C-alpha atoms as a PDB file:
ATOM      1  CA  MET A   1      -6.575 -18.911 -27.310  1.00  0.00           C
ATOM      2  CA  VAL A   2      -6.119 -17.963 -23.654  1.00  0.00           C
ATOM      3  CA  LEU A   3      -2.036 -16.668 -23.387  1.00  0.00           C
ATOM      4  CA  GLY A   4      -0.012 -16.728 -20.127  1.00  0.00           C
ATOM      5  CA  ILE A   5       0.095 -13.450 -20.323  1.00  0.00           C
ATOM      6  CA  GLN A   6      -3.226 -13.185 -20.638  1.00  0.00           C
ATOM      7  CA  ILE A   7      -3.670 -15.455 -17.439  1.00  0.00           C
ATOM      8  CA  ALA A   8      -1.143 -13.225 -15.066  1.00  0.00           C
ATOM      9  CA  GLY A   9      -3.196 -10.326 -16.108  1.00  0.00           C
ATOM     10  CA  ILE A  10      -6.819 -11.907 -15.324  1.00  0.00           C
ATOM     11  CA  LEU A  11      -5.433 -12.817 -11.812  1.00  0.00           C
ATOM     12  CA  PHE A  12      -2.982  -9.434 -11.138  1.00  0.00           C
ATOM     13  CA  GLY A  13      -6.777  -7.721 -12.112  1.00  0.00           C
ATOM     14  CA  LEU A  14      -8.808 -10.556  -9.836  1.00  0.00           C
ATOM     15  CA  PHE A  15      -6.241  -9.932  -6.589  1.00  0.00           C
ATOM     16  CA  MET A  16      -6.297  -6.299  -7.182  1.00  0.00           C
ATOM     17  CA  ILE A  17      -9.786  -6.554  -7.123  1.00  0.00           C
ATOM     18  CA  TYR A  18      -9.789  -8.357  -3.971  1.00  0.00           C
ATOM     19  CA  TYR A  19      -7.317  -6.015  -2.462  1.00  0.00           C
ATOM     20  CA  SER A  20      -9.465  -2.765  -2.991  1.00  0.00           C
ATOM     21  CA  PHE A  21     -12.363  -5.013  -1.720  1.00  0.00           C
ATOM     22  CA  LEU A  22      -9.795  -5.538   1.508  1.00  0.00           C
ATOM     23  CA  ASN A  23      -8.952  -1.348   1.427  1.00  0.00           C
ATOM     24  CA  TYR A  24     -12.935  -0.793   1.795  1.00  0.00           C
ATOM     25  CA  LYS A  25     -13.834  -3.258   3.999  1.00  0.00           C
ATOM     26  CA  ARG A  26     -10.802  -1.902   6.485  1.00  0.00           C
ATOM     27  CA  LYS A  27     -12.508   1.662   5.702  1.00  0.00           C
ATOM     28  CA  GLU A  28      -9.610   2.837   3.732  1.00  0.00           C
ATOM     29  CA  PHE A  29     -11.509   3.423   0.753  1.00  0.00           C
ATOM     30  CA  SER A  30     -14.853   5.147   0.835  1.00  0.00           C
ATOM     31  CA  SER A  31     -17.770   3.604  -1.757  1.00  0.00           C
ATOM     32  CA  LYS A  32     -16.369   6.172  -4.643  1.00  0.00           C
ATOM     33  CA  GLU A  33     -12.746   4.853  -4.417  1.00  0.00           C
ATOM     34  CA  ILE A  34     -13.816   1.024  -4.245  1.00  0.00           C
ATOM     35  CA  PHE A  35     -16.583   1.615  -7.514  1.00  0.00           C
ATOM     36  CA  PHE A  36     -13.417   3.019  -9.392  1.00  0.00           C
ATOM     37  CA  TRP A  37     -11.011   0.766  -8.544  1.00  0.00           C
ATOM     38  CA  SER A  38     -13.186  -1.673  -9.288  1.00  0.00           C
ATOM     39  CA  VAL A  39     -14.398  -0.347 -12.582  1.00  0.00           C
ATOM     40  CA  VAL A  40     -10.186   0.804 -13.456  1.00  0.00           C
ATOM     41  CA  TRP A  41      -9.308  -3.308 -12.945  1.00  0.00           C
ATOM     42  CA  ILE A  42     -12.665  -4.938 -14.360  1.00  0.00           C
ATOM     43  CA  LEU A  43     -10.907  -2.670 -17.747  1.00  0.00           C
ATOM     44  CA  PHE A  44      -7.891  -4.022 -16.805  1.00  0.00           C
ATOM     45  CA  ILE A  45      -9.144  -7.687 -17.429  1.00  0.00           C
ATOM     46  CA  ALA A  46     -11.170  -7.112 -19.870  1.00  0.00           C
ATOM     47  CA  ILE A  47      -8.286  -5.584 -21.468  1.00  0.00           C
ATOM     48  CA  SER A  48      -5.886  -8.952 -20.961  1.00  0.00           C
ATOM     49  CA  LEU A  49      -8.755 -10.916 -22.109  1.00  0.00           C
ATOM     50  CA  PHE A  50      -9.397  -9.008 -25.387  1.00  0.00           C
ATOM     51  CA  PRO A  51      -6.296  -7.513 -26.647  1.00  0.00           C
ATOM     52  CA  ASN A  52      -8.262  -6.703 -29.954  1.00  0.00           C
ATOM     53  CA  ILE A  53     -10.893  -3.445 -27.822  1.00  0.00           C
ATOM     54  CA  LEU A  54      -7.940  -1.463 -28.756  1.00  0.00           C
ATOM     55  CA  ASP A  55      -7.293  -1.454 -31.636  1.00  0.00           C
ATOM     56  CA  PRO A  56      -9.240   1.265 -32.947  1.00  0.00           C
ATOM     57  CA  ILE A  57      -7.071   3.487 -30.676  1.00  0.00           C
ATOM     58  CA  VAL A  58      -4.009   1.994 -31.897  1.00  0.00           C
ATOM     59  CA  LYS A  59      -4.846   3.102 -35.628  1.00  0.00           C
ATOM     60  CA  ILE A  60      -6.078   6.145 -34.125  1.00  0.00           C
ATOM     61  CA  GLY A  61      -3.125   6.991 -32.659  1.00  0.00           C
ATOM     62  CA  GLY A  62      -0.570   6.023 -34.995  1.00  0.00           C
ATOM     63  CA  PHE A  63       0.400   3.573 -33.112  1.00  0.00           C
ATOM     64  CA  LEU A  64       2.008   0.322 -34.943  1.00  0.00           C
ATOM     65  CA  ARG A  65       1.086  -2.487 -31.800  1.00  0.00           C
ATOM     66  CA  ALA A  66      -1.377  -2.185 -28.496  1.00  0.00           C
ATOM     67  CA  LEU A  67       1.249  -3.099 -26.933  1.00  0.00           C
ATOM     68  CA  ASP A  68       3.379   0.384 -27.462  1.00  0.00           C
ATOM     69  CA  LEU A  69       0.267   1.792 -26.874  1.00  0.00           C
ATOM     70  CA  LEU A  70       0.140   0.256 -23.068  1.00  0.00           C
ATOM     71  CA  ILE A  71       4.020   1.253 -22.621  1.00  0.00           C
ATOM     72  CA  ILE A  72       2.966   5.355 -23.151  1.00  0.00           C
ATOM     73  CA  SER A  73      -0.171   5.022 -21.630  1.00  0.00           C
ATOM     74  CA  GLY A  74       1.373   3.337 -18.435  1.00  0.00           C
ATOM     75  CA  PHE A  75       4.693   6.183 -18.685  1.00  0.00           C
ATOM     76  CA  LEU A  76       2.395   9.062 -18.880  1.00  0.00           C
ATOM     77  CA  PHE A  77       0.110   7.590 -15.686  1.00  0.00           C
ATOM     78  CA  LEU A  78       3.048   6.922 -13.705  1.00  0.00           C
ATOM     79  CA  ILE A  79       4.248  10.218 -14.871  1.00  0.00           C
ATOM     80  CA  ALA A  80       1.014  12.019 -13.853  1.00  0.00           C
ATOM     81  CA  ALA A  81       1.101  10.272  -9.990  1.00  0.00           C
ATOM     82  CA  ILE A  82       4.635  10.677  -9.560  1.00  0.00           C
ATOM     83  CA  PHE A  83       3.835  14.524  -9.965  1.00  0.00           C
ATOM     84  CA  TYR A  84       0.900  14.070  -7.297  1.00  0.00           C
ATOM     85  CA  THR A  85       2.222  12.393  -4.847  1.00  0.00           C
ATOM     86  CA  TYR A  86       5.204  14.855  -4.878  1.00  0.00           C
ATOM     87  CA  THR A  87       2.525  17.564  -4.802  1.00  0.00           C
ATOM     88  CA  VAL A  88       0.861  15.988  -1.859  1.00  0.00           C
ATOM     89  CA  THR A  89       3.851  15.390  -0.171  1.00  0.00           C
ATOM     90  CA  ARG A  90       5.053  19.032  -0.416  1.00  0.00           C
ATOM     91  CA  LYS A  91       1.745  20.520   1.167  1.00  0.00           C
ATOM     92  CA  VAL A  92       1.843  17.796   4.233  1.00  0.00           C
ATOM     93  CA  GLN A  93       5.545  19.196   4.351  1.00  0.00           C
ATOM     94  CA  LYS A  94       4.432  22.642   4.418  1.00  0.00           C
ATOM     95  CA  LYS A  95       2.141  21.662   7.095  1.00  0.00           C
ATOM     96  CA  LEU A  96       4.257  20.200   9.183  1.00  0.00           C
ATOM     97  CA  GLU A  97       6.638  22.689   9.383  1.00  0.00           C
ATOM     98  CA  THR A  98       3.811  25.050  10.201  1.00  0.00           C
ATOM     99  CA  VAL A  99       2.563  23.012  13.124  1.00  0.00           C
ATOM    100  CA  VAL A 100       6.310  22.303  14.345  1.00  0.00           C
ATOM    101  CA  ARG A 101       7.314  25.781  14.339  1.00  0.00           C
ATOM    102  CA  ASP A 102       4.121  26.459  16.498  1.00  0.00           C
ATOM    103  CA  VAL A 103       5.128  23.873  18.766  1.00  0.00           C
ATOM    104  CA  ALA A 104       8.333  25.485  19.381  1.00  0.00           C
ATOM    105  CA  MET A 105       7.727  28.452  19.394  1.00  0.00           C
ATOM    106  CA  ARG A 106       5.130  27.703  22.425  1.00  0.00           C
ATOM    107  CA  LYS A 107       7.589  25.887  24.184  1.00  0.00           C
ATOM    108  CA  TYR A 108       9.905  28.739  24.038  1.00  0.00           C
ATOM    109  CA  ARG A 109       7.822  30.973  25.499  1.00  0.00           C
ATOM    110  CA  LYS A 110       6.992  29.104  28.168  1.00  0.00           C
END
């Protein structure tokens, strides 16, 4: 029996596959990126349909429920994504500062 949350998970996964495909068509994703994200969303759909897939991992990890595993995994993913975004932003900020400094120095010399 498929629950409402499973249907929502399946619909979300299908929408994200479609959205990833749109980004690929707009040339915002490379073929490697569309492959990676398609696999991620297919795994998301599979876990939504068959949550028992996670039972061995739940037992090995010492979690009480699969939901605990998913919540902790989600937090770890978000922390890693925020850290990665921060590092990329800092690199761009430093490059922008260098460009602005160079442009300002060129204008000052004239």
